[in-house]
Amino acid sequence: MSAPWQVLLFALLGCSSGALRTAHFSAPLSWLDRARLNTLCDSGRLQLLQMLVLSNTEGGGRMELGMDAVDVLLESCPELCALGNLR
Protein backbone atom coordinates (compact mmCIF):
# COMPACT_ATOMS: atom_id res chain seq x y z
CA MET A 1 0.00 0.00 0.00
CA SER A 2 1.45 3.38 -0.99
CA ALA A 3 2.18 6.02 1.62
CA PRO A 4 -0.06 8.71 0.01
CA TRP A 5 -2.96 6.22 -0.10
CA GLN A 6 -2.49 5.44 3.61
CA VAL A 7 -2.46 9.17 4.41
CA LEU A 8 -5.67 9.74 2.42
CA LEU A 9 -7.36 6.80 4.16
CA PHE A 10 -6.35 8.15 7.54
CA ALA A 11 -7.38 11.72 6.67
CA LEU A 12 -10.83 10.79 5.37
CA LEU A 13 -11.68 7.71 7.39
CA GLY A 14 -9.73 8.39 10.58
CA CYS A 15 -12.43 10.67 11.95
CA SER A 16 -13.75 8.27 14.58
CA SER A 17 -17.08 10.01 14.97
CA GLY A 18 -17.84 9.83 11.24
CA ALA A 19 -18.71 13.51 11.36
CA LEU A 20 -16.20 14.78 8.79
CA ARG A 21 -17.84 17.63 6.85
CA THR A 22 -15.03 19.36 4.97
CA ALA A 23 -11.90 17.85 3.43
CA HIS A 24 -9.15 19.28 1.23
CA PHE A 25 -6.41 16.83 0.36
CA SER A 26 -3.49 18.32 -1.56
CA ALA A 27 -0.77 15.85 -2.56
CA PRO A 28 0.59 13.90 -5.54
CA LEU A 29 -2.57 12.04 -6.62
CA SER A 30 -1.80 10.40 -9.96
CA TRP A 31 -2.29 7.04 -8.21
CA LEU A 32 -5.91 7.85 -7.24
CA ASP A 33 -8.21 5.85 -9.48
CA ARG A 34 -11.83 4.71 -9.49
CA ALA A 35 -11.11 1.51 -7.52
CA ARG A 36 -9.48 3.42 -4.67
CA LEU A 37 -12.22 6.03 -4.72
CA ASN A 38 -14.76 3.22 -4.41
CA THR A 39 -12.89 1.90 -1.37
CA LEU A 40 -13.25 5.31 0.31
CA CYS A 41 -16.92 5.62 -0.59
CA ASP A 42 -17.83 2.05 0.33
CA SER A 43 -16.68 2.64 3.89
CA GLY A 44 -19.93 4.46 4.68
CA ARG A 45 -18.01 6.96 6.81
CA LEU A 46 -18.40 9.93 4.48
CA GLN A 47 -22.17 10.30 4.89
CA LEU A 48 -21.92 13.81 6.35
CA LEU A 49 -19.21 15.09 4.00
CA GLN A 50 -20.33 18.43 2.55
CA MET A 51 -17.19 19.65 0.77
CA LEU A 52 -14.35 17.69 -0.84
CA VAL A 53 -11.40 19.14 -2.72
CA LEU A 54 -8.74 16.83 -4.15
CA SER A 55 -5.73 18.75 -5.48
CA ASN A 56 -3.05 16.90 -7.43
CA THR A 57 0.29 18.61 -6.86
CA GLU A 58 2.12 16.60 -9.53
CA GLY A 59 3.00 18.24 -12.84
CA GLY A 60 -0.11 18.88 -14.90
CA GLY A 61 -2.47 18.04 -12.07
CA ARG A 62 -4.13 15.18 -14.00
CA MET A 63 -6.02 12.38 -12.25
CA GLU A 64 -7.71 9.32 -13.71
CA LEU A 65 -11.14 10.38 -12.48
CA GLY A 66 -14.14 11.48 -14.50
CA MET A 67 -17.87 12.01 -14.23
CA ASP A 68 -18.36 8.44 -13.02
CA ALA A 69 -16.23 9.34 -9.99
CA VAL A 70 -18.47 12.35 -9.36
CA ASP A 71 -21.52 10.06 -9.51
CA VAL A 72 -19.96 7.69 -6.96
CA LEU A 73 -19.19 10.59 -4.62
CA LEU A 74 -22.70 12.02 -4.92
CA GLU A 75 -24.26 8.64 -4.19
CA SER A 76 -21.98 7.95 -1.22
CA CYS A 77 -22.06 11.44 0.25
CA PRO A 78 -25.68 12.63 0.22
CA GLU A 79 -24.77 15.91 1.95
CA LEU A 80 -22.07 16.80 -0.62
CA CYS A 81 -22.67 20.27 -2.06
CA ALA A 82 -19.12 21.34 -3.03
CA LEU A 83 -16.69 19.23 -5.04
CA GLY A 84 -13.50 20.63 -6.44
CA ASN A 85 -10.43 20.01 -8.55
CA LEU A 86 -11.13 16.48 -9.86
CA ARG A 87 -9.35 17.03 -13.15
C-alpha atoms as a PDB file:
ATOM      1  CA  MET A   1       0.000   0.000   0.000  1.00  0.00           C
ATOM      2  CA  SER A   2       1.452   3.382  -0.987  1.00  0.00           C
ATOM      3  CA  ALA A   3       2.182   6.023   1.620  1.00  0.00           C
ATOM      4  CA  PRO A   4      -0.058   8.708   0.012  1.00  0.00           C
ATOM      5  CA  TRP A   5      -2.960   6.221  -0.101  1.00  0.00           C
ATOM      6  CA  GLN A   6      -2.491   5.441   3.606  1.00  0.00           C
ATOM      7  CA  VAL A   7      -2.461   9.166   4.408  1.00  0.00           C
ATOM      8  CA  LEU A   8      -5.672   9.739   2.422  1.00  0.00           C
ATOM      9  CA  LEU A   9      -7.365   6.795   4.157  1.00  0.00           C
ATOM     10  CA  PHE A  10      -6.349   8.151   7.542  1.00  0.00           C
ATOM     11  CA  ALA A  11      -7.384  11.716   6.670  1.00  0.00           C
ATOM     12  CA  LEU A  12     -10.829  10.791   5.366  1.00  0.00           C
ATOM     13  CA  LEU A  13     -11.679   7.709   7.392  1.00  0.00           C
ATOM     14  CA  GLY A  14      -9.731   8.388  10.584  1.00  0.00           C
ATOM     15  CA  CYS A  15     -12.425  10.669  11.953  1.00  0.00           C
ATOM     16  CA  SER A  16     -13.748   8.267  14.584  1.00  0.00           C
ATOM     17  CA  SER A  17     -17.085  10.014  14.970  1.00  0.00           C
ATOM     18  CA  GLY A  18     -17.839   9.831  11.240  1.00  0.00           C
ATOM     19  CA  ALA A  19     -18.714  13.511  11.358  1.00  0.00           C
ATOM     20  CA  LEU A  20     -16.198  14.776   8.790  1.00  0.00           C
ATOM     21  CA  ARG A  21     -17.844  17.625   6.850  1.00  0.00           C
ATOM     22  CA  THR A  22     -15.026  19.360   4.972  1.00  0.00           C
ATOM     23  CA  ALA A  23     -11.898  17.852   3.434  1.00  0.00           C
ATOM     24  CA  HIS A  24      -9.152  19.282   1.229  1.00  0.00           C
ATOM     25  CA  PHE A  25      -6.412  16.828   0.358  1.00  0.00           C
ATOM     26  CA  SER A  26      -3.493  18.322  -1.559  1.00  0.00           C
ATOM     27  CA  ALA A  27      -0.765  15.850  -2.562  1.00  0.00           C
ATOM     28  CA  PRO A  28       0.593  13.896  -5.536  1.00  0.00           C
ATOM     29  CA  LEU A  29      -2.574  12.040  -6.620  1.00  0.00           C
ATOM     30  CA  SER A  30      -1.801  10.402  -9.959  1.00  0.00           C
ATOM     31  CA  TRP A  31      -2.292   7.035  -8.208  1.00  0.00           C
ATOM     32  CA  LEU A  32      -5.908   7.855  -7.239  1.00  0.00           C
ATOM     33  CA  ASP A  33      -8.210   5.851  -9.478  1.00  0.00           C
ATOM     34  CA  ARG A  34     -11.829   4.715  -9.487  1.00  0.00           C
ATOM     35  CA  ALA A  35     -11.109   1.513  -7.515  1.00  0.00           C
ATOM     36  CA  ARG A  36      -9.477   3.418  -4.666  1.00  0.00           C
ATOM     37  CA  LEU A  37     -12.217   6.035  -4.718  1.00  0.00           C
ATOM     38  CA  ASN A  38     -14.764   3.223  -4.415  1.00  0.00           C
ATOM     39  CA  THR A  39     -12.887   1.904  -1.371  1.00  0.00           C
ATOM     40  CA  LEU A  40     -13.254   5.310   0.306  1.00  0.00           C
ATOM     41  CA  CYS A  41     -16.919   5.624  -0.588  1.00  0.00           C
ATOM     42  CA  ASP A  42     -17.832   2.053   0.326  1.00  0.00           C
ATOM     43  CA  SER A  43     -16.682   2.642   3.893  1.00  0.00           C
ATOM     44  CA  GLY A  44     -19.927   4.464   4.677  1.00  0.00           C
ATOM     45  CA  ARG A  45     -18.005   6.957   6.810  1.00  0.00           C
ATOM     46  CA  LEU A  46     -18.405   9.930   4.485  1.00  0.00           C
ATOM     47  CA  GLN A  47     -22.173  10.296   4.888  1.00  0.00           C
ATOM     48  CA  LEU A  48     -21.917  13.806   6.350  1.00  0.00           C
ATOM     49  CA  LEU A  49     -19.209  15.091   4.002  1.00  0.00           C
ATOM     50  CA  GLN A  50     -20.328  18.435   2.546  1.00  0.00           C
ATOM     51  CA  MET A  51     -17.190  19.647   0.770  1.00  0.00           C
ATOM     52  CA  LEU A  52     -14.353  17.687  -0.845  1.00  0.00           C
ATOM     53  CA  VAL A  53     -11.403  19.139  -2.723  1.00  0.00           C
ATOM     54  CA  LEU A  54      -8.737  16.829  -4.149  1.00  0.00           C
ATOM     55  CA  SER A  55      -5.727  18.750  -5.482  1.00  0.00           C
ATOM     56  CA  ASN A  56      -3.055  16.896  -7.426  1.00  0.00           C
ATOM     57  CA  THR A  57       0.294  18.606  -6.862  1.00  0.00           C
ATOM     58  CA  GLU A  58       2.123  16.600  -9.527  1.00  0.00           C
ATOM     59  CA  GLY A  59       3.000  18.241 -12.842  1.00  0.00           C
ATOM     60  CA  GLY A  60      -0.106  18.877 -14.901  1.00  0.00           C
ATOM     61  CA  GLY A  61      -2.474  18.042 -12.069  1.00  0.00           C
ATOM     62  CA  ARG A  62      -4.135  15.183 -14.000  1.00  0.00           C
ATOM     63  CA  MET A  63      -6.019  12.375 -12.251  1.00  0.00           C
ATOM     64  CA  GLU A  64      -7.708   9.320 -13.713  1.00  0.00           C
ATOM     65  CA  LEU A  65     -11.142  10.379 -12.480  1.00  0.00           C
ATOM     66  CA  GLY A  66     -14.142  11.483 -14.502  1.00  0.00           C
ATOM     67  CA  MET A  67     -17.875  12.010 -14.235  1.00  0.00           C
ATOM     68  CA  ASP A  68     -18.355   8.436 -13.016  1.00  0.00           C
ATOM     69  CA  ALA A  69     -16.235   9.344  -9.986  1.00  0.00           C
ATOM     70  CA  VAL A  70     -18.466  12.351  -9.363  1.00  0.00           C
ATOM     71  CA  ASP A  71     -21.518  10.064  -9.505  1.00  0.00           C
ATOM     72  CA  VAL A  72     -19.963   7.691  -6.956  1.00  0.00           C
ATOM     73  CA  LEU A  73     -19.189  10.585  -4.619  1.00  0.00           C
ATOM     74  CA  LEU A  74     -22.699  12.023  -4.919  1.00  0.00           C
ATOM     75  CA  GLU A  75     -24.265   8.636  -4.188  1.00  0.00           C
ATOM     76  CA  SER A  76     -21.977   7.952  -1.221  1.00  0.00           C
ATOM     77  CA  CYS A  77     -22.055  11.437   0.251  1.00  0.00           C
ATOM     78  CA  PRO A  78     -25.683  12.630   0.219  1.00  0.00           C
ATOM     79  CA  GLU A  79     -24.773  15.913   1.952  1.00  0.00           C
ATOM     80  CA  LEU A  80     -22.073  16.799  -0.624  1.00  0.00           C
ATOM     81  CA  CYS A  81     -22.668  20.274  -2.061  1.00  0.00           C
ATOM     82  CA  ALA A  82     -19.121  21.336  -3.028  1.00  0.00           C
ATOM     83  CA  LEU A  83     -16.690  19.228  -5.036  1.00  0.00           C
ATOM     84  CA  GLY A  84     -13.497  20.628  -6.436  1.00  0.00           C
ATOM     85  CA  ASN A  85     -10.430  20.013  -8.547  1.00  0.00           C
ATOM     86  CA  LEU A  86     -11.128  16.479  -9.862  1.00  0.00           C
ATOM     87  CA  ARG A  87      -9.346  17.030 -13.151  1.00  0.00           C
END
